[in-house]
Amino acid sequence: MNLTSNGAQLVHIATRSGAEVITSLEFLSFTLGGEEYGIDILKVQEIRGYEAVTQIANAPEFIKGVVNLRGVIVPIIDMRIKFNLGNAAYDQFTVVIVLNVAGRIIGMVVDSVSDVITLTAEQVKPAPQMGMALNTDYLIGLGTVEERMLILVDITRLMSSSEVGFIEKLAA
């Protein structure tokens, strides 16, 4: 593990495309179905309760619609549908994580938000290679905290993937 000039830890994790550098080891954990996921806390703008959305005709099923967030039209993605985890039941625990990814504001519906978790390099393992059965390109790895295991999602890569396409592909 290395430290940058501002004291942030750099963690090198081997991925299919080479070494990926994680400059923030703080992840917002959330649940989808029975699994716990984590995303870089620096991408999170705010957390809101789920509210009704305006549906957009001919949008993919995982795009629930849009909301007006203080004058900004924000697309809302239901991650349970995106990850094929069944239909979501919207209740008092359902939340929208508002993200700022590459300058785009995007809302992500999840079952619940747990907490912010700080992981050390030793707690982050590379995502297993699943071959053609499962696309793991948007996964950073798996984080472990005691008995908990978090699926760490590279939200920028997921939102720029061809099937989501909310942001332009970033130069590799």
N, C-alpha and C. Protein backbone atom coordinates (compact mmCIF):
# COMPACT_ATOMS: atom_id res chain seq x y z
N MET A 1 0.86 -1.17 0.00
CA MET A 1 0.00 0.00 0.00
C MET A 1 0.90 1.23 0.00
N ASN A 2 0.57 2.20 -0.85
CA ASN A 2 1.31 3.44 -0.94
C ASN A 2 0.46 4.59 -0.45
N LEU A 3 1.10 5.70 -0.09
CA LEU A 3 0.38 6.90 0.29
C LEU A 3 0.68 7.99 -0.71
N THR A 4 -0.35 8.76 -1.07
CA THR A 4 -0.16 9.90 -1.97
C THR A 4 0.30 11.09 -1.14
N SER A 5 0.58 12.20 -1.81
CA SER A 5 1.04 13.39 -1.12
C SER A 5 0.02 13.94 -0.14
N ASN A 6 -1.28 13.68 -0.39
CA ASN A 6 -2.30 14.17 0.54
C ASN A 6 -2.68 13.13 1.59
N GLY A 7 -1.95 12.01 1.62
CA GLY A 7 -2.17 11.00 2.65
C GLY A 7 -3.17 9.93 2.29
N ALA A 8 -3.82 10.03 1.12
CA ALA A 8 -4.78 9.01 0.71
C ALA A 8 -4.06 7.71 0.40
N GLN A 9 -4.67 6.62 0.75
CA GLN A 9 -4.06 5.33 0.49
C GLN A 9 -4.33 4.91 -0.94
N LEU A 10 -3.31 4.33 -1.56
CA LEU A 10 -3.48 3.77 -2.91
C LEU A 10 -3.46 2.25 -2.77
N VAL A 11 -4.42 1.60 -3.35
CA VAL A 11 -4.49 0.16 -3.31
C VAL A 11 -4.46 -0.34 -4.74
N HIS A 12 -3.58 -1.26 -5.02
CA HIS A 12 -3.49 -1.83 -6.37
C HIS A 12 -4.21 -3.18 -6.35
N ILE A 13 -5.20 -3.31 -7.21
CA ILE A 13 -5.96 -4.54 -7.30
C ILE A 13 -5.85 -5.05 -8.72
N ALA A 14 -5.48 -6.29 -8.87
CA ALA A 14 -5.36 -6.86 -10.20
C ALA A 14 -6.75 -7.08 -10.79
N THR A 15 -6.93 -6.60 -12.01
CA THR A 15 -8.18 -6.84 -12.73
C THR A 15 -7.82 -7.41 -14.09
N ARG A 16 -8.83 -7.77 -14.84
CA ARG A 16 -8.60 -8.33 -16.16
C ARG A 16 -7.84 -7.36 -17.06
N SER A 17 -8.09 -6.06 -16.90
CA SER A 17 -7.45 -5.07 -17.77
C SER A 17 -6.14 -4.54 -17.19
N GLY A 18 -5.63 -5.15 -16.13
CA GLY A 18 -4.38 -4.68 -15.54
C GLY A 18 -4.62 -4.29 -14.10
N ALA A 19 -3.74 -3.43 -13.57
CA ALA A 19 -3.85 -3.00 -12.19
C ALA A 19 -4.78 -1.79 -12.09
N GLU A 20 -5.70 -1.87 -11.20
CA GLU A 20 -6.61 -0.76 -10.97
C GLU A 20 -6.22 -0.11 -9.66
N VAL A 21 -6.20 1.22 -9.64
CA VAL A 21 -5.80 1.93 -8.44
C VAL A 21 -7.04 2.51 -7.77
N ILE A 22 -7.22 2.20 -6.53
CA ILE A 22 -8.34 2.74 -5.76
C ILE A 22 -7.75 3.78 -4.81
N THR A 23 -8.16 5.04 -4.96
CA THR A 23 -7.62 6.08 -4.10
C THR A 23 -8.47 6.30 -2.87
N SER A 24 -9.70 5.81 -2.87
CA SER A 24 -10.56 5.94 -1.71
C SER A 24 -10.94 4.55 -1.26
N LEU A 25 -10.77 4.30 0.01
CA LEU A 25 -11.14 3.00 0.54
C LEU A 25 -12.42 3.08 1.36
N GLU A 26 -13.16 4.17 1.18
CA GLU A 26 -14.44 4.29 1.87
C GLU A 26 -15.55 3.97 0.88
N PHE A 27 -16.41 3.03 1.27
CA PHE A 27 -17.49 2.59 0.42
C PHE A 27 -18.82 2.76 1.15
N LEU A 28 -19.83 3.22 0.42
CA LEU A 28 -21.19 3.24 0.95
C LEU A 28 -21.76 1.85 0.69
N SER A 29 -22.20 1.18 1.75
CA SER A 29 -22.75 -0.16 1.56
C SER A 29 -24.27 -0.08 1.47
N PHE A 30 -24.82 -0.91 0.58
CA PHE A 30 -26.26 -0.96 0.37
C PHE A 30 -26.65 -2.39 0.06
N THR A 31 -27.94 -2.69 0.20
CA THR A 31 -28.40 -4.04 -0.06
C THR A 31 -29.31 -4.09 -1.28
N LEU A 32 -29.21 -5.19 -1.97
CA LEU A 32 -30.10 -5.56 -3.09
C LEU A 32 -30.41 -7.03 -2.90
N GLY A 33 -31.67 -7.34 -2.72
CA GLY A 33 -32.01 -8.72 -2.42
C GLY A 33 -31.33 -9.09 -1.11
N GLY A 34 -30.67 -10.21 -1.06
CA GLY A 34 -29.97 -10.62 0.15
C GLY A 34 -28.50 -10.30 0.15
N GLU A 35 -28.02 -9.56 -0.86
CA GLU A 35 -26.59 -9.29 -0.99
C GLU A 35 -26.26 -7.86 -0.60
N GLU A 36 -25.01 -7.67 -0.16
CA GLU A 36 -24.54 -6.35 0.22
C GLU A 36 -23.50 -5.88 -0.80
N TYR A 37 -23.66 -4.65 -1.26
CA TYR A 37 -22.80 -4.06 -2.27
C TYR A 37 -22.13 -2.83 -1.69
N GLY A 38 -21.08 -2.37 -2.37
CA GLY A 38 -20.42 -1.14 -1.95
C GLY A 38 -20.02 -0.32 -3.17
N ILE A 39 -20.17 1.01 -3.05
CA ILE A 39 -19.70 1.92 -4.09
C ILE A 39 -18.85 3.00 -3.44
N ASP A 40 -17.96 3.58 -4.22
CA ASP A 40 -17.08 4.63 -3.75
C ASP A 40 -17.90 5.78 -3.16
N ILE A 41 -17.65 6.10 -1.91
CA ILE A 41 -18.41 7.15 -1.23
C ILE A 41 -18.24 8.51 -1.91
N LEU A 42 -17.13 8.72 -2.61
CA LEU A 42 -16.89 10.00 -3.26
C LEU A 42 -17.81 10.23 -4.46
N LYS A 43 -18.47 9.19 -4.95
CA LYS A 43 -19.41 9.33 -6.06
C LYS A 43 -20.83 9.65 -5.58
N VAL A 44 -21.06 9.55 -4.27
CA VAL A 44 -22.39 9.75 -3.71
C VAL A 44 -22.62 11.23 -3.42
N GLN A 45 -23.70 11.74 -3.98
CA GLN A 45 -24.06 13.15 -3.75
C GLN A 45 -25.02 13.26 -2.57
N GLU A 46 -26.02 12.38 -2.53
CA GLU A 46 -26.97 12.38 -1.42
C GLU A 46 -27.75 11.08 -1.44
N ILE A 47 -28.48 10.85 -0.33
CA ILE A 47 -29.34 9.68 -0.20
C ILE A 47 -30.74 10.19 0.10
N ARG A 48 -31.72 9.71 -0.66
CA ARG A 48 -33.10 10.19 -0.53
C ARG A 48 -34.04 9.00 -0.43
N GLY A 49 -35.20 9.24 0.12
CA GLY A 49 -36.25 8.22 0.10
C GLY A 49 -36.78 8.08 -1.31
N TYR A 50 -37.34 6.90 -1.61
CA TYR A 50 -37.89 6.68 -2.94
C TYR A 50 -39.18 7.47 -3.10
N GLU A 51 -39.33 8.13 -4.24
CA GLU A 51 -40.55 8.88 -4.55
C GLU A 51 -40.98 8.52 -5.96
N ALA A 52 -42.21 8.84 -6.28
CA ALA A 52 -42.74 8.52 -7.60
C ALA A 52 -41.90 9.17 -8.69
N VAL A 53 -41.76 8.47 -9.80
CA VAL A 53 -40.97 8.95 -10.93
C VAL A 53 -41.88 9.19 -12.13
N THR A 54 -41.40 9.99 -13.06
CA THR A 54 -42.08 10.19 -14.33
C THR A 54 -41.49 9.17 -15.31
N GLN A 55 -42.33 8.28 -15.80
CA GLN A 55 -41.84 7.24 -16.69
C GLN A 55 -41.56 7.80 -18.07
N ILE A 56 -40.56 7.23 -18.72
CA ILE A 56 -40.16 7.62 -20.07
C ILE A 56 -40.52 6.47 -21.02
N ALA A 57 -41.23 6.79 -22.08
CA ALA A 57 -41.64 5.76 -23.05
C ALA A 57 -40.43 5.10 -23.69
N ASN A 58 -40.53 3.81 -23.92
CA ASN A 58 -39.52 3.00 -24.60
C ASN A 58 -38.18 2.92 -23.88
N ALA A 59 -38.13 3.29 -22.60
CA ALA A 59 -36.89 3.16 -21.83
C ALA A 59 -36.71 1.70 -21.44
N PRO A 60 -35.47 1.26 -21.26
CA PRO A 60 -35.26 -0.11 -20.77
C PRO A 60 -35.96 -0.30 -19.43
N GLU A 61 -36.31 -1.54 -19.11
CA GLU A 61 -37.08 -1.83 -17.90
C GLU A 61 -36.39 -1.33 -16.63
N PHE A 62 -35.05 -1.41 -16.58
CA PHE A 62 -34.34 -1.01 -15.36
C PHE A 62 -34.32 0.51 -15.14
N ILE A 63 -34.67 1.29 -16.16
CA ILE A 63 -34.78 2.74 -15.98
C ILE A 63 -36.22 3.03 -15.58
N LYS A 64 -36.40 3.35 -14.30
CA LYS A 64 -37.74 3.55 -13.77
C LYS A 64 -38.37 4.83 -14.29
N GLY A 65 -37.54 5.83 -14.61
CA GLY A 65 -38.04 7.11 -15.08
C GLY A 65 -37.10 8.22 -14.65
N VAL A 66 -37.67 9.41 -14.47
CA VAL A 66 -36.85 10.57 -14.07
C VAL A 66 -37.57 11.31 -12.94
N VAL A 67 -36.78 12.05 -12.17
CA VAL A 67 -37.32 12.95 -11.14
C VAL A 67 -36.67 14.31 -11.32
N ASN A 68 -37.35 15.32 -10.82
CA ASN A 68 -36.82 16.68 -10.84
C ASN A 68 -36.19 16.93 -9.47
N LEU A 69 -34.88 17.01 -9.44
CA LEU A 69 -34.14 17.22 -8.19
C LEU A 69 -33.57 18.63 -8.19
N ARG A 70 -34.29 19.54 -7.56
CA ARG A 70 -33.89 20.94 -7.48
C ARG A 70 -33.53 21.51 -8.86
N GLY A 71 -34.41 21.25 -9.84
CA GLY A 71 -34.23 21.79 -11.18
C GLY A 71 -33.40 20.95 -12.12
N VAL A 72 -32.85 19.83 -11.64
CA VAL A 72 -32.06 18.92 -12.48
C VAL A 72 -32.89 17.67 -12.72
N ILE A 73 -33.05 17.30 -13.99
CA ILE A 73 -33.77 16.08 -14.34
C ILE A 73 -32.81 14.90 -14.17
N VAL A 74 -33.17 14.00 -13.27
CA VAL A 74 -32.27 12.90 -12.89
C VAL A 74 -32.89 11.57 -13.30
N PRO A 75 -32.20 10.78 -14.15
CA PRO A 75 -32.69 9.44 -14.46
C PRO A 75 -32.55 8.54 -13.24
N ILE A 76 -33.52 7.65 -13.05
CA ILE A 76 -33.54 6.74 -11.91
C ILE A 76 -33.43 5.30 -12.42
N ILE A 77 -32.39 4.61 -11.95
CA ILE A 77 -32.14 3.21 -12.33
C ILE A 77 -32.47 2.32 -11.15
N ASP A 78 -33.27 1.28 -11.39
CA ASP A 78 -33.56 0.30 -10.34
C ASP A 78 -32.50 -0.80 -10.46
N MET A 79 -31.58 -0.84 -9.49
CA MET A 79 -30.46 -1.78 -9.55
C MET A 79 -30.90 -3.23 -9.36
N ARG A 80 -32.02 -3.47 -8.69
CA ARG A 80 -32.49 -4.84 -8.54
C ARG A 80 -32.87 -5.39 -9.91
N ILE A 81 -33.53 -4.58 -10.72
CA ILE A 81 -33.89 -5.01 -12.08
C ILE A 81 -32.64 -5.10 -12.95
N LYS A 82 -31.74 -4.14 -12.83
CA LYS A 82 -30.51 -4.13 -13.64
C LYS A 82 -29.69 -5.39 -13.40
N PHE A 83 -29.61 -5.83 -12.15
CA PHE A 83 -28.81 -7.01 -11.80
C PHE A 83 -29.63 -8.30 -11.82
N ASN A 84 -30.85 -8.26 -12.39
CA ASN A 84 -31.72 -9.44 -12.49
C ASN A 84 -31.96 -10.11 -11.15
N LEU A 85 -32.31 -9.30 -10.15
CA LEU A 85 -32.58 -9.83 -8.82
C LEU A 85 -34.08 -9.86 -8.51
N GLY A 86 -34.90 -9.83 -9.53
CA GLY A 86 -36.34 -9.88 -9.35
C GLY A 86 -36.94 -8.50 -9.27
N ASN A 87 -38.24 -8.44 -9.11
CA ASN A 87 -38.93 -7.16 -9.02
C ASN A 87 -38.79 -6.57 -7.64
N ALA A 88 -38.59 -5.30 -7.60
CA ALA A 88 -38.41 -4.60 -6.32
C ALA A 88 -39.75 -4.29 -5.69
N ALA A 89 -39.81 -4.42 -4.39
CA ALA A 89 -40.97 -3.97 -3.62
C ALA A 89 -40.56 -2.65 -2.99
N TYR A 90 -41.25 -1.60 -3.32
CA TYR A 90 -40.89 -0.27 -2.81
C TYR A 90 -41.60 -0.06 -1.48
N ASP A 91 -40.80 0.14 -0.42
CA ASP A 91 -41.36 0.36 0.91
C ASP A 91 -40.62 1.51 1.60
N GLN A 92 -40.81 1.64 2.91
CA GLN A 92 -40.22 2.75 3.63
C GLN A 92 -38.70 2.66 3.71
N PHE A 93 -38.11 1.50 3.43
CA PHE A 93 -36.66 1.34 3.48
C PHE A 93 -36.00 1.57 2.12
N THR A 94 -36.79 1.56 1.05
CA THR A 94 -36.25 1.76 -0.29
C THR A 94 -35.70 3.17 -0.41
N VAL A 95 -34.48 3.26 -0.92
CA VAL A 95 -33.84 4.57 -1.03
C VAL A 95 -33.27 4.77 -2.43
N VAL A 96 -33.02 6.02 -2.75
CA VAL A 96 -32.36 6.39 -3.99
C VAL A 96 -31.02 7.00 -3.60
N ILE A 97 -29.96 6.41 -4.10
CA ILE A 97 -28.62 6.98 -3.91
C ILE A 97 -28.38 7.87 -5.12
N VAL A 98 -28.23 9.17 -4.88
CA VAL A 98 -27.99 10.12 -5.96
C VAL A 98 -26.47 10.18 -6.15
N LEU A 99 -26.04 9.87 -7.38
CA LEU A 99 -24.63 9.79 -7.71
C LEU A 99 -24.22 10.94 -8.62
N ASN A 100 -22.97 11.34 -8.50
CA ASN A 100 -22.36 12.26 -9.45
C ASN A 100 -21.24 11.47 -10.10
N VAL A 101 -21.49 11.00 -11.32
CA VAL A 101 -20.54 10.14 -12.02
C VAL A 101 -20.13 10.84 -13.31
N ALA A 102 -18.86 11.22 -13.39
CA ALA A 102 -18.32 11.89 -14.57
C ALA A 102 -19.16 13.11 -14.95
N GLY A 103 -19.62 13.85 -13.95
CA GLY A 103 -20.38 15.07 -14.21
C GLY A 103 -21.86 14.85 -14.46
N ARG A 104 -22.33 13.60 -14.49
CA ARG A 104 -23.75 13.30 -14.67
C ARG A 104 -24.37 12.94 -13.33
N ILE A 105 -25.57 13.43 -13.11
CA ILE A 105 -26.31 13.10 -11.89
C ILE A 105 -27.27 11.96 -12.23
N ILE A 106 -27.18 10.87 -11.48
CA ILE A 106 -27.95 9.66 -11.74
C ILE A 106 -28.47 9.15 -10.40
N GLY A 107 -29.71 8.70 -10.36
CA GLY A 107 -30.27 8.09 -9.16
C GLY A 107 -30.29 6.59 -9.28
N MET A 108 -29.98 5.92 -8.19
CA MET A 108 -29.87 4.47 -8.16
C MET A 108 -30.77 3.95 -7.04
N VAL A 109 -31.83 3.21 -7.40
CA VAL A 109 -32.75 2.66 -6.39
C VAL A 109 -32.15 1.38 -5.82
N VAL A 110 -32.07 1.31 -4.49
CA VAL A 110 -31.58 0.13 -3.79
C VAL A 110 -32.56 -0.21 -2.67
N ASP A 111 -32.46 -1.43 -2.15
CA ASP A 111 -33.38 -1.86 -1.09
C ASP A 111 -33.17 -1.07 0.19
N SER A 112 -31.92 -0.88 0.58
CA SER A 112 -31.61 -0.11 1.79
C SER A 112 -30.13 0.27 1.76
N VAL A 113 -29.79 1.28 2.56
CA VAL A 113 -28.41 1.69 2.72
C VAL A 113 -27.98 1.29 4.12
N SER A 114 -26.79 0.70 4.23
CA SER A 114 -26.33 0.22 5.53
C SER A 114 -25.47 1.26 6.23
N ASP A 115 -24.23 1.43 5.75
CA ASP A 115 -23.31 2.35 6.39
C ASP A 115 -22.13 2.65 5.47
N VAL A 116 -21.19 3.44 5.97
CA VAL A 116 -19.95 3.71 5.25
C VAL A 116 -18.88 2.82 5.86
N ILE A 117 -18.19 2.09 4.99
CA ILE A 117 -17.19 1.13 5.45
C ILE A 117 -15.83 1.52 4.89
N THR A 118 -14.83 1.55 5.75
CA THR A 118 -13.45 1.79 5.32
C THR A 118 -12.75 0.44 5.24
N LEU A 119 -12.17 0.16 4.08
CA LEU A 119 -11.49 -1.11 3.85
C LEU A 119 -10.00 -0.89 3.67
N THR A 120 -9.21 -1.79 4.19
CA THR A 120 -7.76 -1.77 3.95
C THR A 120 -7.48 -2.61 2.70
N ALA A 121 -6.27 -2.53 2.19
CA ALA A 121 -5.90 -3.28 0.99
C ALA A 121 -6.08 -4.78 1.21
N GLU A 122 -5.80 -5.25 2.41
CA GLU A 122 -5.92 -6.67 2.71
C GLU A 122 -7.37 -7.14 2.71
N GLN A 123 -8.31 -6.23 2.88
CA GLN A 123 -9.73 -6.59 2.93
C GLN A 123 -10.38 -6.60 1.55
N VAL A 124 -9.67 -6.18 0.52
CA VAL A 124 -10.22 -6.13 -0.84
C VAL A 124 -9.53 -7.19 -1.70
N LYS A 125 -10.34 -8.10 -2.22
CA LYS A 125 -9.84 -9.18 -3.08
C LYS A 125 -10.38 -8.98 -4.49
N PRO A 126 -9.61 -9.37 -5.52
CA PRO A 126 -10.09 -9.24 -6.89
C PRO A 126 -11.35 -10.07 -7.11
N ALA A 127 -12.22 -9.58 -8.01
CA ALA A 127 -13.43 -10.33 -8.37
C ALA A 127 -13.02 -11.61 -9.06
N PRO A 128 -13.69 -12.71 -8.77
CA PRO A 128 -13.35 -13.97 -9.43
C PRO A 128 -13.69 -13.90 -10.91
N GLN A 129 -12.90 -14.58 -11.72
CA GLN A 129 -13.17 -14.65 -13.15
C GLN A 129 -14.27 -15.68 -13.38
N MET A 130 -15.35 -15.24 -14.03
CA MET A 130 -16.49 -16.12 -14.26
C MET A 130 -16.63 -16.52 -15.71
N GLY A 131 -15.69 -16.14 -16.55
CA GLY A 131 -15.78 -16.47 -17.97
C GLY A 131 -16.94 -15.76 -18.62
N MET A 132 -17.57 -16.40 -19.56
CA MET A 132 -18.68 -15.81 -20.29
C MET A 132 -19.99 -15.84 -19.50
N ALA A 133 -20.04 -16.59 -18.40
CA ALA A 133 -21.28 -16.75 -17.65
C ALA A 133 -21.71 -15.47 -16.95
N LEU A 134 -20.76 -14.63 -16.57
CA LEU A 134 -21.08 -13.43 -15.81
C LEU A 134 -20.10 -12.33 -16.16
N ASN A 135 -20.62 -11.15 -16.49
CA ASN A 135 -19.78 -10.01 -16.79
C ASN A 135 -19.33 -9.36 -15.50
N THR A 136 -18.04 -9.44 -15.20
CA THR A 136 -17.50 -8.85 -13.97
C THR A 136 -16.68 -7.59 -14.26
N ASP A 137 -16.81 -7.04 -15.46
CA ASP A 137 -16.01 -5.87 -15.83
C ASP A 137 -16.27 -4.67 -14.93
N TYR A 138 -17.46 -4.54 -14.37
CA TYR A 138 -17.79 -3.38 -13.55
C TYR A 138 -17.55 -3.64 -12.05
N LEU A 139 -16.98 -4.78 -11.72
CA LEU A 139 -16.68 -5.07 -10.32
C LEU A 139 -15.25 -4.71 -9.99
N ILE A 140 -15.05 -4.03 -8.86
CA ILE A 140 -13.71 -3.74 -8.37
C ILE A 140 -13.15 -4.97 -7.69
N GLY A 141 -13.99 -5.62 -6.91
CA GLY A 141 -13.56 -6.80 -6.17
C GLY A 141 -14.56 -7.11 -5.08
N LEU A 142 -14.10 -7.90 -4.13
CA LEU A 142 -14.93 -8.27 -2.99
C LEU A 142 -14.26 -7.76 -1.72
N GLY A 143 -15.01 -7.06 -0.91
CA GLY A 143 -14.50 -6.55 0.35
C GLY A 143 -15.02 -7.38 1.50
N THR A 144 -14.14 -7.66 2.48
CA THR A 144 -14.55 -8.44 3.63
C THR A 144 -14.35 -7.64 4.91
N VAL A 145 -15.37 -7.64 5.75
CA VAL A 145 -15.31 -7.02 7.06
C VAL A 145 -15.90 -8.03 8.03
N GLU A 146 -15.05 -8.64 8.85
CA GLU A 146 -15.45 -9.71 9.76
C GLU A 146 -16.22 -10.76 8.97
N GLU A 147 -17.50 -10.98 9.27
CA GLU A 147 -18.28 -12.00 8.57
C GLU A 147 -19.01 -11.46 7.34
N ARG A 148 -18.92 -10.16 7.09
CA ARG A 148 -19.62 -9.54 5.96
C ARG A 148 -18.77 -9.60 4.70
N MET A 149 -19.43 -9.76 3.56
CA MET A 149 -18.75 -9.68 2.27
C MET A 149 -19.51 -8.69 1.41
N LEU A 150 -18.79 -7.69 0.88
CA LEU A 150 -19.39 -6.68 0.02
C LEU A 150 -18.93 -6.88 -1.41
N ILE A 151 -19.86 -6.77 -2.34
CA ILE A 151 -19.54 -6.78 -3.76
C ILE A 151 -19.26 -5.33 -4.12
N LEU A 152 -18.00 -5.02 -4.43
CA LEU A 152 -17.59 -3.64 -4.69
C LEU A 152 -17.77 -3.32 -6.17
N VAL A 153 -18.62 -2.34 -6.45
CA VAL A 153 -19.00 -2.00 -7.82
C VAL A 153 -18.27 -0.73 -8.25
N ASP A 154 -17.65 -0.79 -9.43
CA ASP A 154 -17.08 0.40 -10.07
C ASP A 154 -18.23 1.09 -10.78
N ILE A 155 -18.86 2.04 -10.09
CA ILE A 155 -20.08 2.65 -10.59
C ILE A 155 -19.84 3.45 -11.87
N THR A 156 -18.66 4.02 -12.03
CA THR A 156 -18.35 4.75 -13.27
C THR A 156 -18.34 3.79 -14.45
N ARG A 157 -17.70 2.65 -14.28
CA ARG A 157 -17.64 1.66 -15.37
C ARG A 157 -19.02 1.09 -15.66
N LEU A 158 -19.82 0.85 -14.63
CA LEU A 158 -21.17 0.33 -14.84
C LEU A 158 -22.03 1.33 -15.59
N MET A 159 -21.99 2.59 -15.20
CA MET A 159 -22.83 3.61 -15.84
C MET A 159 -22.36 3.95 -17.26
N SER A 160 -21.12 3.62 -17.59
CA SER A 160 -20.63 3.86 -18.95
C SER A 160 -20.66 2.60 -19.80
N SER A 161 -21.14 1.48 -19.23
CA SER A 161 -21.21 0.24 -20.00
C SER A 161 -22.22 0.40 -21.14
N SER A 162 -22.07 -0.42 -22.15
CA SER A 162 -22.93 -0.29 -23.33
C SER A 162 -24.40 -0.51 -23.01
N GLU A 163 -24.72 -1.39 -22.05
CA GLU A 163 -26.12 -1.64 -21.75
C GLU A 163 -26.78 -0.55 -20.91
N VAL A 164 -25.98 0.24 -20.16
CA VAL A 164 -26.55 1.35 -19.40
C VAL A 164 -26.37 2.65 -20.17
N GLY A 165 -25.14 2.98 -20.53
CA GLY A 165 -24.85 4.08 -21.43
C GLY A 165 -25.20 5.48 -20.95
N PHE A 166 -25.18 5.72 -19.63
CA PHE A 166 -25.51 7.06 -19.15
C PHE A 166 -24.37 8.04 -19.30
N ILE A 167 -23.15 7.54 -19.32
CA ILE A 167 -22.00 8.44 -19.52
C ILE A 167 -21.14 7.88 -20.63
N GLU A 168 -20.42 8.77 -21.28
CA GLU A 168 -19.54 8.36 -22.37
C GLU A 168 -18.46 7.45 -21.82
N LYS A 169 -18.06 6.48 -22.64
CA LYS A 169 -16.96 5.61 -22.23
C LYS A 169 -15.74 6.45 -21.96
N LEU A 170 -15.10 6.18 -20.84
CA LEU A 170 -13.90 6.92 -20.48
C LEU A 170 -12.71 6.29 -21.19
N ALA A 171 -11.77 7.12 -21.58
CA ALA A 171 -10.56 6.61 -22.25
C ALA A 171 -9.82 5.69 -21.29
N ALA A 172 -9.43 4.54 -21.79
CA ALA A 172 -8.74 3.57 -20.92
C ALA A 172 -7.29 3.90 -20.79
